Amino acid sequence: MIDVDTSSPTPPFEQVRAGLAARIHDRSLPVGAKLPTVRGLAEQLGLAPNTVARAYRELEEAGLIETRGRAGSFVGAAGDKNRQRVHRAAVEYAEFAHGLGIQPAEALEIAAAAIHRSHPAP
């Protein structure tokens, strides 16, 4: 499902969270897909259950997954809503940059730099 690099400076819970989030965003984990149990994924990845539980909690707080008690955790529909929100924000940014006379290539560079600052590569 995902890989965890124990030699990485990125904490394992963040690698799990980012790996699942990427699969949700690229839709290789579609809305409604059932996720492995916390214990099952922890065992599969060789991690402590609390590590995976933290990743699941953060994904749930972000609206990417939902936990349905004993039924388990599933990819939530909010991910699509989040994509819509990001798209609206991007349109507003593009209009704002255009209004300031910023060329599209430079506006993209500014946006990419901001994204990389807030989400550095592992």
PDB file of N, CA and C in Angstrom:
ATOM      1  N   MET A   1       0.824  -1.198   0.000  1.00  0.00           N
ATOM      2  CA  MET A   1       0.000   0.000   0.000  1.00  0.00           C
ATOM      3  C   MET A   1       0.867   1.261   0.000  1.00  0.00           C
ATOM      4  N   ILE A   2       1.762   1.375   0.984  1.00  0.00           N
ATOM      5  CA  ILE A   2       2.701   2.500   1.058  1.00  0.00           C
ATOM      6  C   ILE A   2       4.012   1.982   1.619  1.00  0.00           C
ATOM      7  N   ASP A   3       5.056   2.762   1.444  1.00  0.00           N
ATOM      8  CA  ASP A   3       6.368   2.401   1.959  1.00  0.00           C
ATOM      9  C   ASP A   3       6.779   3.389   3.036  1.00  0.00           C
ATOM     10  N   VAL A   4       7.473   2.895   4.053  1.00  0.00           N
ATOM     11  CA  VAL A   4       8.016   3.735   5.114  1.00  0.00           C
ATOM     12  C   VAL A   4       9.519   3.527   5.139  1.00  0.00           C
ATOM     13  N   ASP A   5      10.249   4.629   5.075  1.00  0.00           N
ATOM     14  CA  ASP A   5      11.713   4.598   5.105  1.00  0.00           C
ATOM     15  C   ASP A   5      12.161   4.951   6.521  1.00  0.00           C
ATOM     16  N   THR A   6      12.608   3.951   7.269  1.00  0.00           N
ATOM     17  CA  THR A   6      12.991   4.174   8.661  1.00  0.00           C
ATOM     18  C   THR A   6      14.250   5.026   8.797  1.00  0.00           C
ATOM     19  N   SER A   7      15.004   5.190   7.714  1.00  0.00           N
ATOM     20  CA  SER A   7      16.210   6.031   7.780  1.00  0.00           C
ATOM     21  C   SER A   7      15.907   7.488   7.419  1.00  0.00           C
ATOM     22  N   SER A   8      14.673   7.769   7.033  1.00  0.00           N
ATOM     23  CA  SER A   8      14.283   9.126   6.650  1.00  0.00           C
ATOM     24  C   SER A   8      14.137  10.018   7.880  1.00  0.00           C
ATOM     25  N   PRO A   9      14.477  11.309   7.743  1.00  0.00           N
ATOM     26  CA  PRO A   9      14.249  12.229   8.863  1.00  0.00           C
ATOM     27  C   PRO A   9      12.751  12.530   9.073  1.00  0.00           C
ATOM     28  N   THR A  10      11.929  12.186   8.083  1.00  0.00           N
ATOM     29  CA  THR A  10      10.487  12.382   8.208  1.00  0.00           C
ATOM     30  C   THR A  10       9.931  11.292   9.122  1.00  0.00           C
ATOM     31  N   PRO A  11       9.178  11.692  10.165  1.00  0.00           N
ATOM     32  CA  PRO A  11       8.649  10.694  11.095  1.00  0.00           C
ATOM     33  C   PRO A  11       7.766   9.667  10.380  1.00  0.00           C
ATOM     34  N   PRO A  12       7.768   8.429  10.859  1.00  0.00           N
ATOM     35  CA  PRO A  12       6.966   7.386  10.209  1.00  0.00           C
ATOM     36  C   PRO A  12       5.483   7.716  10.091  1.00  0.00           C
ATOM     37  N   PHE A  13       4.879   8.330  11.135  1.00  0.00           N
ATOM     38  CA  PHE A  13       3.454   8.653  11.032  1.00  0.00           C
ATOM     39  C   PHE A  13       3.201   9.606   9.877  1.00  0.00           C
ATOM     40  N   GLU A  14       4.136  10.550   9.646  1.00  0.00           N
ATOM     41  CA  GLU A  14       3.976  11.516   8.555  1.00  0.00           C
ATOM     42  C   GLU A  14       4.143  10.828   7.211  1.00  0.00           C
ATOM     43  N   GLN A  15       5.034   9.857   7.125  1.00  0.00           N
ATOM     44  CA  GLN A  15       5.189   9.101   5.886  1.00  0.00           C
ATOM     45  C   GLN A  15       3.916   8.320   5.575  1.00  0.00           C
ATOM     46  N   VAL A  16       3.314   7.734   6.604  1.00  0.00           N
ATOM     47  CA  VAL A  16       2.062   6.998   6.415  1.00  0.00           C
ATOM     48  C   VAL A  16       0.962   7.971   5.994  1.00  0.00           C
ATOM     49  N   ARG A  17       0.851   9.097   6.707  1.00  0.00           N
ATOM     50  CA  ARG A  17      -0.181  10.089   6.386  1.00  0.00           C
ATOM     51  C   ARG A  17      -0.019  10.606   4.966  1.00  0.00           C
ATOM     52  N   ALA A  18       1.204  10.990   4.617  1.00  0.00           N
ATOM     53  CA  ALA A  18       1.461  11.532   3.281  1.00  0.00           C
ATOM     54  C   ALA A  18       1.243  10.481   2.197  1.00  0.00           C
ATOM     55  N   GLY A  19       1.659   9.243   2.472  1.00  0.00           N
ATOM     56  CA  GLY A  19       1.483   8.175   1.488  1.00  0.00           C
ATOM     57  C   GLY A  19       0.016   7.892   1.213  1.00  0.00           C
ATOM     58  N   LEU A  20      -0.780   7.815   2.275  1.00  0.00           N
ATOM     59  CA  LEU A  20      -2.216   7.581   2.086  1.00  0.00           C
ATOM     60  C   LEU A  20      -2.886   8.786   1.438  1.00  0.00           C
ATOM     61  N   ALA A  21      -2.505   9.999   1.875  1.00  0.00           N
ATOM     62  CA  ALA A  21      -3.085  11.207   1.289  1.00  0.00           C
ATOM     63  C   ALA A  21      -2.799  11.271  -0.208  1.00  0.00           C
ATOM     64  N   ALA A  22      -1.578  10.924  -0.600  1.00  0.00           N
ATOM     65  CA  ALA A  22      -1.226  10.944  -2.030  1.00  0.00           C
ATOM     66  C   ALA A  22      -2.083   9.952  -2.806  1.00  0.00           C
ATOM     67  N   ARG A  23      -2.285   8.765  -2.241  1.00  0.00           N
ATOM     68  CA  ARG A  23      -3.108   7.750  -2.923  1.00  0.00           C
ATOM     69  C   ARG A  23      -4.564   8.172  -2.982  1.00  0.00           C
ATOM     70  N   ILE A  24      -5.029   8.904  -1.977  1.00  0.00           N
ATOM     71  CA  ILE A  24      -6.405   9.413  -2.004  1.00  0.00           C
ATOM     72  C   ILE A  24      -6.523  10.502  -3.066  1.00  0.00           C
ATOM     73  N   HIS A  25      -5.535  11.398  -3.101  1.00  0.00           N
ATOM     74  CA  HIS A  25      -5.583  12.501  -4.064  1.00  0.00           C
ATOM     75  C   HIS A  25      -5.437  12.032  -5.503  1.00  0.00           C
ATOM     76  N   ASP A  26      -4.611  11.003  -5.734  1.00  0.00           N
ATOM     77  CA  ASP A  26      -4.475  10.533  -7.120  1.00  0.00           C
ATOM     78  C   ASP A  26      -5.556   9.503  -7.474  1.00  0.00           C
ATOM     79  N   ARG A  27      -6.416   9.256  -6.509  1.00  0.00           N
ATOM     80  CA  ARG A  27      -7.585   8.390  -6.655  1.00  0.00           C
ATOM     81  C   ARG A  27      -7.251   6.914  -6.838  1.00  0.00           C
ATOM     82  N   SER A  28      -6.013   6.526  -6.507  1.00  0.00           N
ATOM     83  CA  SER A  28      -5.733   5.094  -6.497  1.00  0.00           C
ATOM     84  C   SER A  28      -6.405   4.457  -5.279  1.00  0.00           C
ATOM     85  N   LEU A  29      -6.773   5.287  -4.301  1.00  0.00           N
ATOM     86  CA  LEU A  29      -7.686   4.893  -3.230  1.00  0.00           C
ATOM     87  C   LEU A  29      -8.955   5.728  -3.434  1.00  0.00           C
ATOM     88  N   PRO A  30      -9.974   5.170  -4.063  1.00  0.00           N
ATOM     89  CA  PRO A  30     -11.166   5.952  -4.397  1.00  0.00           C
ATOM     90  C   PRO A  30     -12.067   6.193  -3.184  1.00  0.00           C
ATOM     91  N   VAL A  31     -12.943   7.164  -3.322  1.00  0.00           N
ATOM     92  CA  VAL A  31     -13.923   7.451  -2.284  1.00  0.00           C
ATOM     93  C   VAL A  31     -14.675   6.168  -1.952  1.00  0.00           C
ATOM     94  N   GLY A  32     -14.789   5.897  -0.654  1.00  0.00           N
ATOM     95  CA  GLY A  32     -15.492   4.707  -0.193  1.00  0.00           C
ATOM     96  C   GLY A  32     -14.618   3.495   0.019  1.00  0.00           C
ATOM     97  N   ALA A  33     -13.358   3.542  -0.434  1.00  0.00           N
ATOM     98  CA  ALA A  33     -12.469   2.390  -0.261  1.00  0.00           C
ATOM     99  C   ALA A  33     -12.205   2.153   1.224  1.00  0.00           C
ATOM    100  N   LYS A  34     -12.254   0.900   1.615  1.00  0.00           N
ATOM    101  CA  LYS A  34     -11.984   0.532   3.010  1.00  0.00           C
ATOM    102  C   LYS A  34     -10.478   0.451   3.218  1.00  0.00           C
ATOM    103  N   LEU A  35      -9.999   1.109   4.267  1.00  0.00           N
ATOM    104  CA  LEU A  35      -8.587   1.080   4.607  1.00  0.00           C
ATOM    105  C   LEU A  35      -8.303  -0.098   5.531  1.00  0.00           C
ATOM    106  N   PRO A  36      -7.069  -0.556   5.565  1.00  0.00           N
ATOM    107  CA  PRO A  36      -6.722  -1.614   6.517  1.00  0.00           C
ATOM    108  C   PRO A  36      -6.944  -1.118   7.945  1.00  0.00           C
ATOM    109  N   THR A  37      -7.137  -2.042   8.868  1.00  0.00           N
ATOM    110  CA  THR A  37      -7.231  -1.644  10.268  1.00  0.00           C
ATOM    111  C   THR A  37      -5.911  -1.031  10.692  1.00  0.00           C
ATOM    112  N   VAL A  38      -5.963  -0.259  11.760  1.00  0.00           N
ATOM    113  CA  VAL A  38      -4.740   0.344  12.293  1.00  0.00           C
ATOM    114  C   VAL A  38      -3.720  -0.748  12.610  1.00  0.00           C
ATOM    115  N   ARG A  39      -4.163  -1.760  13.311  1.00  0.00           N
ATOM    116  CA  ARG A  39      -3.247  -2.842  13.682  1.00  0.00           C
ATOM    117  C   ARG A  39      -2.730  -3.585  12.449  1.00  0.00           C
ATOM    118  N   GLY A  40      -3.609  -3.816  11.489  1.00  0.00           N
ATOM    119  CA  GLY A  40      -3.208  -4.533  10.279  1.00  0.00           C
ATOM    120  C   GLY A  40      -2.162  -3.775   9.486  1.00  0.00           C
ATOM    121  N   LEU A  41      -2.382  -2.468   9.303  1.00  0.00           N
ATOM    122  CA  LEU A  41      -1.416  -1.674   8.547  1.00  0.00           C
ATOM    123  C   LEU A  41      -0.113  -1.540   9.329  1.00  0.00           C
ATOM    124  N   ALA A  42      -0.221  -1.375  10.653  1.00  0.00           N
ATOM    125  CA  ALA A  42       0.985  -1.271  11.474  1.00  0.00           C
ATOM    126  C   ALA A  42       1.825  -2.542  11.344  1.00  0.00           C
ATOM    127  N   GLU A  43       1.165  -3.674  11.378  1.00  0.00           N
ATOM    128  CA  GLU A  43       1.882  -4.945  11.245  1.00  0.00           C
ATOM    129  C   GLU A  43       2.525  -5.065   9.864  1.00  0.00           C
ATOM    130  N   GLN A  44       1.747  -4.693   8.844  1.00  0.00           N
ATOM    131  CA  GLN A  44       2.254  -4.769   7.467  1.00  0.00           C
ATOM    132  C   GLN A  44       3.487  -3.890   7.272  1.00  0.00           C
ATOM    133  N   LEU A  45       3.496  -2.712   7.913  1.00  0.00           N
ATOM    134  CA  LEU A  45       4.596  -1.763   7.734  1.00  0.00           C
ATOM    135  C   LEU A  45       5.694  -1.923   8.781  1.00  0.00           C
ATOM    136  N   GLY A  46       5.470  -2.765   9.776  1.00  0.00           N
ATOM    137  CA  GLY A  46       6.455  -2.938  10.834  1.00  0.00           C
ATOM    138  C   GLY A  46       6.529  -1.754  11.771  1.00  0.00           C
ATOM    139  N   LEU A  47       5.373  -1.122  12.024  1.00  0.00           N
ATOM    140  CA  LEU A  47       5.302   0.061  12.880  1.00  0.00           C
ATOM    141  C   LEU A  47       4.447  -0.227  14.102  1.00  0.00           C
ATOM    142  N   ALA A  48       4.533   0.647  15.080  1.00  0.00           N
ATOM    143  CA  ALA A  48       3.669   0.553  16.250  1.00  0.00           C
ATOM    144  C   ALA A  48       2.256   0.993  15.848  1.00  0.00           C
ATOM    145  N   PRO A  49       1.238   0.356  16.394  1.00  0.00           N
ATOM    146  CA  PRO A  49      -0.139   0.758  16.075  1.00  0.00           C
ATOM    147  C   PRO A  49      -0.417   2.243  16.344  1.00  0.00           C
ATOM    148  N   ASN A  50       0.191   2.808  17.397  1.00  0.00           N
ATOM    149  CA  ASN A  50      -0.036   4.234  17.691  1.00  0.00           C
ATOM    150  C   ASN A  50       0.463   5.133  16.567  1.00  0.00           C
ATOM    151  N   THR A  51       1.500   4.701  15.870  1.00  0.00           N
ATOM    152  CA  THR A  51       2.036   5.476  14.740  1.00  0.00           C
ATOM    153  C   THR A  51       1.008   5.558  13.627  1.00  0.00           C
ATOM    154  N   VAL A  52       0.414   4.430  13.285  1.00  0.00           N
ATOM    155  CA  VAL A  52      -0.602   4.405  12.232  1.00  0.00           C
ATOM    156  C   VAL A  52      -1.866   5.109  12.716  1.00  0.00           C
ATOM    157  N   ALA A  53      -2.217   4.930  13.982  1.00  0.00           N
ATOM    158  CA  ALA A  53      -3.407   5.597  14.525  1.00  0.00           C
ATOM    159  C   ALA A  53      -3.274   7.114  14.411  1.00  0.00           C
ATOM    160  N   ARG A  54      -2.083   7.640  14.662  1.00  0.00           N
ATOM    161  CA  ARG A  54      -1.879   9.087  14.536  1.00  0.00           C
ATOM    162  C   ARG A  54      -2.060   9.542  13.085  1.00  0.00           C
ATOM    163  N   ALA A  55      -1.533   8.776  12.161  1.00  0.00           N
ATOM    164  CA  ALA A  55      -1.698   9.114  10.735  1.00  0.00           C
ATOM    165  C   ALA A  55      -3.177   9.105  10.368  1.00  0.00           C
ATOM    166  N   TYR A  56      -3.905   8.091  10.804  1.00  0.00           N
ATOM    167  CA  TYR A  56      -5.339   8.007  10.518  1.00  0.00           C
ATOM    168  C   TYR A  56      -6.076   9.197  11.128  1.00  0.00           C
ATOM    169  N   ARG A  57      -5.727   9.569  12.383  1.00  0.00           N
ATOM    170  CA  ARG A  57      -6.381  10.718  13.033  1.00  0.00           C
ATOM    171  C   ARG A  57      -6.176  11.983  12.211  1.00  0.00           C
ATOM    172  N   GLU A  58      -4.952  12.192  11.755  1.00  0.00           N
ATOM    173  CA  GLU A  58      -4.670  13.405  10.983  1.00  0.00           C
ATOM    174  C   GLU A  58      -5.393  13.388   9.642  1.00  0.00           C
ATOM    175  N   LEU A  59      -5.489  12.231   9.016  1.00  0.00           N
ATOM    176  CA  LEU A  59      -6.237  12.125   7.759  1.00  0.00           C
ATOM    177  C   LEU A  59      -7.715  12.387   7.996  1.00  0.00           C
ATOM    178  N   GLU A  60      -8.212  11.919   9.138  1.00  0.00           N
ATOM    179  CA  GLU A  60      -9.621  12.154   9.460  1.00  0.00           C
ATOM    180  C   GLU A  60      -9.871  13.636   9.732  1.00  0.00           C
ATOM    181  N   GLU A  61      -8.970  14.273  10.458  1.00  0.00           N
ATOM    182  CA  GLU A  61      -9.097  15.708  10.736  1.00  0.00           C
ATOM    183  C   GLU A  61      -9.067  16.521   9.448  1.00  0.00           C
ATOM    184  N   ALA A  62      -8.317  16.051   8.461  1.00  0.00           N
ATOM    185  CA  ALA A  62      -8.237  16.739   7.164  1.00  0.00           C
ATOM    186  C   ALA A  62      -9.435  16.420   6.278  1.00  0.00           C
ATOM    187  N   GLY A  63     -10.281  15.496   6.721  1.00  0.00           N
ATOM    188  CA  GLY A  63     -11.472  15.152   5.937  1.00  0.00           C
ATOM    189  C   GLY A  63     -11.207  14.154   4.830  1.00  0.00           C
ATOM    190  N   LEU A  64     -10.031  13.536   4.825  1.00  0.00           N
ATOM    191  CA  LEU A  64      -9.713  12.597   3.758  1.00  0.00           C
ATOM    192  C   LEU A  64     -10.239  11.192   4.030  1.00  0.00           C
ATOM    193  N   ILE A  65     -10.328  10.834   5.308  1.00  0.00           N
ATOM    194  CA  ILE A  65     -10.905   9.536   5.643  1.00  0.00           C
ATOM    195  C   ILE A  65     -11.965   9.745   6.712  1.00  0.00           C
ATOM    196  N   GLU A  66     -12.819   8.744   6.866  1.00  0.00           N
ATOM    197  CA  GLU A  66     -13.801   8.763   7.946  1.00  0.00           C
ATOM    198  C   GLU A  66     -13.808   7.399   8.611  1.00  0.00           C
ATOM    199  N   THR A  67     -13.930   7.424   9.927  1.00  0.00           N
ATOM    200  CA  THR A  67     -13.959   6.188  10.688  1.00  0.00           C
ATOM    201  C   THR A  67     -15.391   5.923  11.110  1.00  0.00           C
ATOM    202  N   ARG A  68     -15.832   4.711  10.861  1.00  0.00           N
ATOM    203  CA  ARG A  68     -17.217   4.324  11.151  1.00  0.00           C
ATOM    204  C   ARG A  68     -17.248   3.258  12.240  1.00  0.00           C
ATOM    205  N   GLY A  69     -16.693   3.587  13.375  1.00  0.00           N
ATOM    206  CA  GLY A  69     -16.691   2.665  14.507  1.00  0.00           C
ATOM    207  C   GLY A  69     -16.073   1.329  14.158  1.00  0.00           C
ATOM    208  N   ARG A  70     -16.798   0.249  14.505  1.00  0.00           N
ATOM    209  CA  ARG A  70     -16.285  -1.097  14.259  1.00  0.00           C
ATOM    210  C   ARG A  70     -16.223  -1.456  12.780  1.00  0.00           C
ATOM    211  N   ALA A  71     -16.925  -0.706  11.949  1.00  0.00           N
ATOM    212  CA  ALA A  71     -16.906  -0.994  10.509  1.00  0.00           C
ATOM    213  C   ALA A  71     -15.554  -0.667   9.891  1.00  0.00           C
ATOM    214  N   GLY A  72     -14.798   0.234  10.531  1.00  0.00           N
ATOM    215  CA  GLY A  72     -13.466   0.555  10.048  1.00  0.00           C
ATOM    216  C   GLY A  72     -13.346   1.967   9.497  1.00  0.00           C
ATOM    217  N   SER A  73     -12.261   2.200   8.790  1.00  0.00           N
ATOM    218  CA  SER A  73     -11.960   3.504   8.203  1.00  0.00           C
ATOM    219  C   SER A  73     -12.062   3.412   6.692  1.00  0.00           C
ATOM    220  N   PHE A  74     -12.610   4.473   6.100  1.00  0.00           N
ATOM    221  CA  PHE A  74     -12.869   4.513   4.667  1.00  0.00           C
ATOM    222  C   PHE A  74     -12.410   5.845   4.100  1.00  0.00           C
ATOM    223  N   VAL A  75     -12.085   5.853   2.819  1.00  0.00           N
ATOM    224  CA  VAL A  75     -11.763   7.105   2.134  1.00  0.00           C
ATOM    225  C   VAL A  75     -13.049   7.921   2.082  1.00  0.00           C
ATOM    226  N   GLY A  76     -12.967   9.137   2.563  1.00  0.00           N
ATOM    227  CA  GLY A  76     -14.140  10.004   2.630  1.00  0.00           C
ATOM    228  C   GLY A  76     -14.357  10.795   1.360  1.00  0.00           C
ATOM    229  N   ALA A  77     -15.567  11.295   1.226  1.00  0.00           N
ATOM    230  CA  ALA A  77     -15.925  12.107   0.064  1.00  0.00           C
ATOM    231  C   ALA A  77     -15.412  13.531   0.193  1.00  0.00           C
ATOM    232  N   ALA A  78     -14.993  13.934   1.382  1.00  0.00           N
ATOM    233  CA  ALA A  78     -14.528  15.306   1.582  1.00  0.00           C
ATOM    234  C   ALA A  78     -13.299  15.612   0.754  1.00  0.00           C
ATOM    235  N   GLY A  79     -12.536  14.594   0.370  1.00  0.00           N
ATOM    236  CA  GLY A  79     -11.359  14.835  -0.467  1.00  0.00           C
ATOM    237  C   GLY A  79     -11.737  15.540  -1.751  1.00  0.00           C
ATOM    238  N   ASP A  80     -12.877  15.158  -2.343  1.00  0.00           N
ATOM    239  CA  ASP A  80     -13.344  15.831  -3.551  1.00  0.00           C
ATOM    240  C   ASP A  80     -13.735  17.274  -3.243  1.00  0.00           C
ATOM    241  N   LYS A  81     -14.355  17.497  -2.086  1.00  0.00           N
ATOM    242  CA  LYS A  81     -14.714  18.859  -1.685  1.00  0.00           C
ATOM    243  C   LYS A  81     -13.456  19.681  -1.480  1.00  0.00           C
ATOM    244  N   ASN A  82     -12.435  19.053  -0.892  1.00  0.00           N
ATOM    245  CA  ASN A  82     -11.175  19.772  -0.686  1.00  0.00           C
ATOM    246  C   ASN A  82     -10.550  20.166  -2.018  1.00  0.00           C
ATOM    247  N   ARG A  83     -10.633  19.279  -3.011  1.00  0.00           N
ATOM    248  CA  ARG A  83     -10.124  19.619  -4.347  1.00  0.00           C
ATOM    249  C   ARG A  83     -10.871  20.820  -4.918  1.00  0.00           C
ATOM    250  N   GLN A  84     -12.178  20.876  -4.715  1.00  0.00           N
ATOM    251  CA  GLN A  84     -12.972  21.999  -5.199  1.00  0.00           C
ATOM    252  C   GLN A  84     -12.552  23.289  -4.504  1.00  0.00           C
ATOM    253  N   ARG A  85     -12.313  23.209  -3.194  1.00  0.00           N
ATOM    254  CA  ARG A  85     -11.892  24.390  -2.442  1.00  0.00           C
ATOM    255  C   ARG A  85     -10.532  24.885  -2.928  1.00  0.00           C
ATOM    256  N   VAL A  86      -9.605  23.949  -3.165  1.00  0.00           N
ATOM    257  CA  VAL A  86      -8.285  24.335  -3.644  1.00  0.00           C
ATOM    258  C   VAL A  86      -8.388  24.943  -5.039  1.00  0.00           C
ATOM    259  N   HIS A  87      -9.242  24.389  -5.878  1.00  0.00           N
ATOM    260  CA  HIS A  87      -9.430  24.938  -7.219  1.00  0.00           C
ATOM    261  C   HIS A  87      -9.947  26.370  -7.146  1.00  0.00           C
ATOM    262  N   ARG A  88     -10.931  26.604  -6.284  1.00  0.00           N
ATOM    263  CA  ARG A  88     -11.467  27.971  -6.135  1.00  0.00           C
ATOM    264  C   ARG A  88     -10.371  28.917  -5.664  1.00  0.00           C
ATOM    265  N   ALA A  89      -9.565  28.470  -4.697  1.00  0.00           N
ATOM    266  CA  ALA A  89      -8.475  29.311  -4.198  1.00  0.00           C
ATOM    267  C   ALA A  89      -7.463  29.596  -5.301  1.00  0.00           C
ATOM    268  N   ALA A  90      -7.187  28.602  -6.147  1.00  0.00           N
ATOM    269  CA  ALA A  90      -6.241  28.793  -7.254  1.00  0.00           C
ATOM    270  C   ALA A  90      -6.774  29.802  -8.263  1.00  0.00           C
ATOM    271  N   VAL A  91      -8.070  29.730  -8.549  1.00  0.00           N
ATOM    272  CA  VAL A  91      -8.680  30.689  -9.478  1.00  0.00           C
ATOM    273  C   VAL A  91      -8.578  32.103  -8.900  1.00  0.00           C
ATOM    274  N   GLU A  92      -8.863  32.237  -7.611  1.00  0.00           N
ATOM    275  CA  GLU A  92      -8.765  33.558  -6.971  1.00  0.00           C
ATOM    276  C   GLU A  92      -7.331  34.073  -7.023  1.00  0.00           C
ATOM    277  N   TYR A  93      -6.364  33.176  -6.766  1.00  0.00           N
ATOM    278  CA  TYR A  93      -4.959  33.572  -6.815  1.00  0.00           C
ATOM    279  C   TYR A  93      -4.577  34.019  -8.226  1.00  0.00           C
ATOM    280  N   ALA A  94      -5.003  33.247  -9.227  1.00  0.00           N
ATOM    281  CA  ALA A  94      -4.681  33.591 -10.616  1.00  0.00           C
ATOM    282  C   ALA A  94      -5.248  34.967 -10.975  1.00  0.00           C
ATOM    283  N   GLU A  95      -6.472  35.224 -10.578  1.00  0.00           N
ATOM    284  CA  GLU A  95      -7.089  36.528 -10.855  1.00  0.00           C
ATOM    285  C   GLU A  95      -6.365  37.649 -10.114  1.00  0.00           C
ATOM    286  N   PHE A  96      -5.974  37.385  -8.860  1.00  0.00           N
ATOM    287  CA  PHE A  96      -5.258  38.368  -8.061  1.00  0.00           C
ATOM    288  C   PHE A  96      -3.911  38.692  -8.691  1.00  0.00           C
ATOM    289  N   ALA A  97      -3.158  37.642  -9.065  1.00  0.00           N
ATOM    290  CA  ALA A  97      -1.846  37.844  -9.688  1.00  0.00           C
ATOM    291  C   ALA A  97      -1.995  38.609 -11.003  1.00  0.00           C
ATOM    292  N   HIS A  98      -2.983  38.245 -11.797  1.00  0.00           N
ATOM    293  CA  HIS A  98      -3.213  38.933 -13.069  1.00  0.00           C
ATOM    294  C   HIS A  98      -3.521  40.412 -12.820  1.00  0.00           C
ATOM    295  N   GLY A  99      -4.344  40.677 -11.817  1.00  0.00           N
ATOM    296  CA  GLY A  99      -4.694  42.061 -11.480  1.00  0.00           C
ATOM    297  C   GLY A  99      -3.491  42.892 -11.065  1.00  0.00           C
ATOM    298  N   LEU A 100      -2.469  42.243 -10.525  1.00  0.00           N
ATOM    299  CA  LEU A 100      -1.248  42.939 -10.125  1.00  0.00           C
ATOM    300  C   LEU A 100      -0.225  43.028 -11.258  1.00  0.00           C
ATOM    301  N   GLY A 101      -0.574  42.433 -12.403  1.00  0.00           N
ATOM    302  CA  GLY A 101       0.331  42.472 -13.543  1.00  0.00           C
ATOM    303  C   GLY A 101       1.423  41.404 -13.508  1.00  0.00           C
ATOM    304  N   ILE A 102       1.263  40.399 -12.664  1.00  0.00           N
ATOM    305  CA  ILE A 102       2.242  39.311 -12.584  1.00  0.00           C
ATOM    306  C   ILE A 102       1.991  38.351 -13.742  1.00  0.00           C
ATOM    307  N   GLN A 103       3.046  38.012 -14.455  1.00  0.00           N
ATOM    308  CA  GLN A 103       2.922  37.087 -15.584  1.00  0.00           C
ATOM    309  C   GLN A 103       2.643  35.672 -15.076  1.00  0.00           C
ATOM    310  N   PRO A 104       1.923  34.840 -15.867  1.00  0.00           N
ATOM    311  CA  PRO A 104       1.571  33.486 -15.421  1.00  0.00           C
ATOM    312  C   PRO A 104       2.758  32.643 -14.968  1.00  0.00           C
ATOM    313  N   ALA A 105       3.865  32.677 -15.687  1.00  0.00           N
ATOM    314  CA  ALA A 105       5.031  31.856 -15.310  1.00  0.00           C
ATOM    315  C   ALA A 105       5.553  32.265 -13.937  1.00  0.00           C
ATOM    316  N   GLU A 106       5.612  33.562 -13.681  1.00  0.00           N
ATOM    317  CA  GLU A 106       6.094  34.025 -12.377  1.00  0.00           C
ATOM    318  C   GLU A 106       5.088  33.679 -11.276  1.00  0.00           C
ATOM    319  N   ALA A 107       3.801  33.793 -11.568  1.00  0.00           N
ATOM    320  CA  ALA A 107       2.773  33.434 -10.586  1.00  0.00           C
ATOM    321  C   ALA A 107       2.881  31.956 -10.210  1.00  0.00           C
ATOM    322  N   LEU A 108       3.158  31.115 -11.198  1.00  0.00           N
ATOM    323  CA  LEU A 108       3.337  29.686 -10.921  1.00  0.00           C
ATOM    324  C   LEU A 108       4.570  29.443 -10.050  1.00  0.00           C
ATOM    325  N   GLU A 109       5.652  30.162 -10.333  1.00  0.00           N
ATOM    326  CA  GLU A 109       6.870  30.016  -9.529  1.00  0.00           C
ATOM    327  C   GLU A 109       6.617  30.422  -8.084  1.00  0.00           C
ATOM    328  N   ILE A 110       5.864  31.509  -7.894  1.00  0.00           N
ATOM    329  CA  ILE A 110       5.548  31.977  -6.545  1.00  0.00           C
ATOM    330  C   ILE A 110       4.707  30.935  -5.819  1.00  0.00           C
ATOM    331  N   ALA A 111       3.702  30.402  -6.505  1.00  0.00           N
ATOM    332  CA  ALA A 111       2.842  29.386  -5.888  1.00  0.00           C
ATOM    333  C   ALA A 111       3.637  28.125  -5.566  1.00  0.00           C
ATOM    334  N   ALA A 112       4.487  27.691  -6.491  1.00  0.00           N
ATOM    335  CA  ALA A 112       5.287  26.486  -6.253  1.00  0.00           C
ATOM    336  C   ALA A 112       6.227  26.683  -5.065  1.00  0.00           C
ATOM    337  N   ALA A 113       6.841  27.845  -4.964  1.00  0.00           N
ATOM    338  CA  ALA A 113       7.732  28.126  -3.838  1.00  0.00           C
ATOM    339  C   ALA A 113       6.971  28.086  -2.522  1.00  0.00           C
ATOM    340  N   ALA A 114       5.775  28.635  -2.507  1.00  0.00           N
ATOM    341  CA  ALA A 114       4.959  28.630  -1.283  1.00  0.00           C
ATOM    342  C   ALA A 114       4.576  27.197  -0.908  1.00  0.00           C
ATOM    343  N   ILE A 115       4.222  26.396  -1.883  1.00  0.00           N
ATOM    344  CA  ILE A 115       3.867  25.003  -1.610  1.00  0.00           C
ATOM    345  C   ILE A 115       5.061  24.246  -1.065  1.00  0.00           C
ATOM    346  N   HIS A 116       6.227  24.423  -1.665  1.00  0.00           N
ATOM    347  CA  HIS A 116       7.424  23.708  -1.227  1.00  0.00           C
ATOM    348  C   HIS A 116       7.870  24.152   0.168  1.00  0.00           C
ATOM    349  N   ARG A 117       7.635  25.431   0.495  1.00  0.00           N
ATOM    350  CA  ARG A 117       7.980  25.903   1.839  1.00  0.00           C
ATOM    351  C   ARG A 117       7.087  25.265   2.892  1.00  0.00           C
ATOM    352  N   SER A 118       5.793  25.113   2.578  1.00  0.00           N
ATOM    353  CA  SER A 118       4.866  24.570   3.582  1.00  0.00           C
ATOM    354  C   SER A 118       4.820  23.045   3.573  1.00  0.00           C
ATOM    355  N   HIS A 119       5.315  22.401   2.512  1.00  0.00           N
ATOM    356  CA  HIS A 119       5.343  20.939   2.421  1.00  0.00           C
ATOM    357  C   HIS A 119       6.673  20.493   1.829  1.00  0.00           C
ATOM    358  N   PRO A 120       7.752  20.593   2.610  1.00  0.00           N
ATOM    359  CA  PRO A 120       9.060  20.195   2.074  1.00  0.00           C
ATOM    360  C   PRO A 120       9.094  18.715   1.715  1.00  0.00           C
ATOM    361  N   ALA A 121       9.867  18.413   0.691  1.00  0.00           N
ATOM    362  CA  ALA A 121      10.005  17.022   0.241  1.00  0.00           C
ATOM    363  C   ALA A 121      10.708  16.203   1.319  1.00  0.00           C
ATOM    364  N   PRO A 122      10.275  14.936   1.479  1.00  0.00           N
ATOM    365  CA  PRO A 122      10.921  14.089   2.504  1.00  0.00           C
ATOM    366  C   PRO A 122      12.345  13.754   2.157  1.00  0.00           C
TER     367      PRO A 122
END
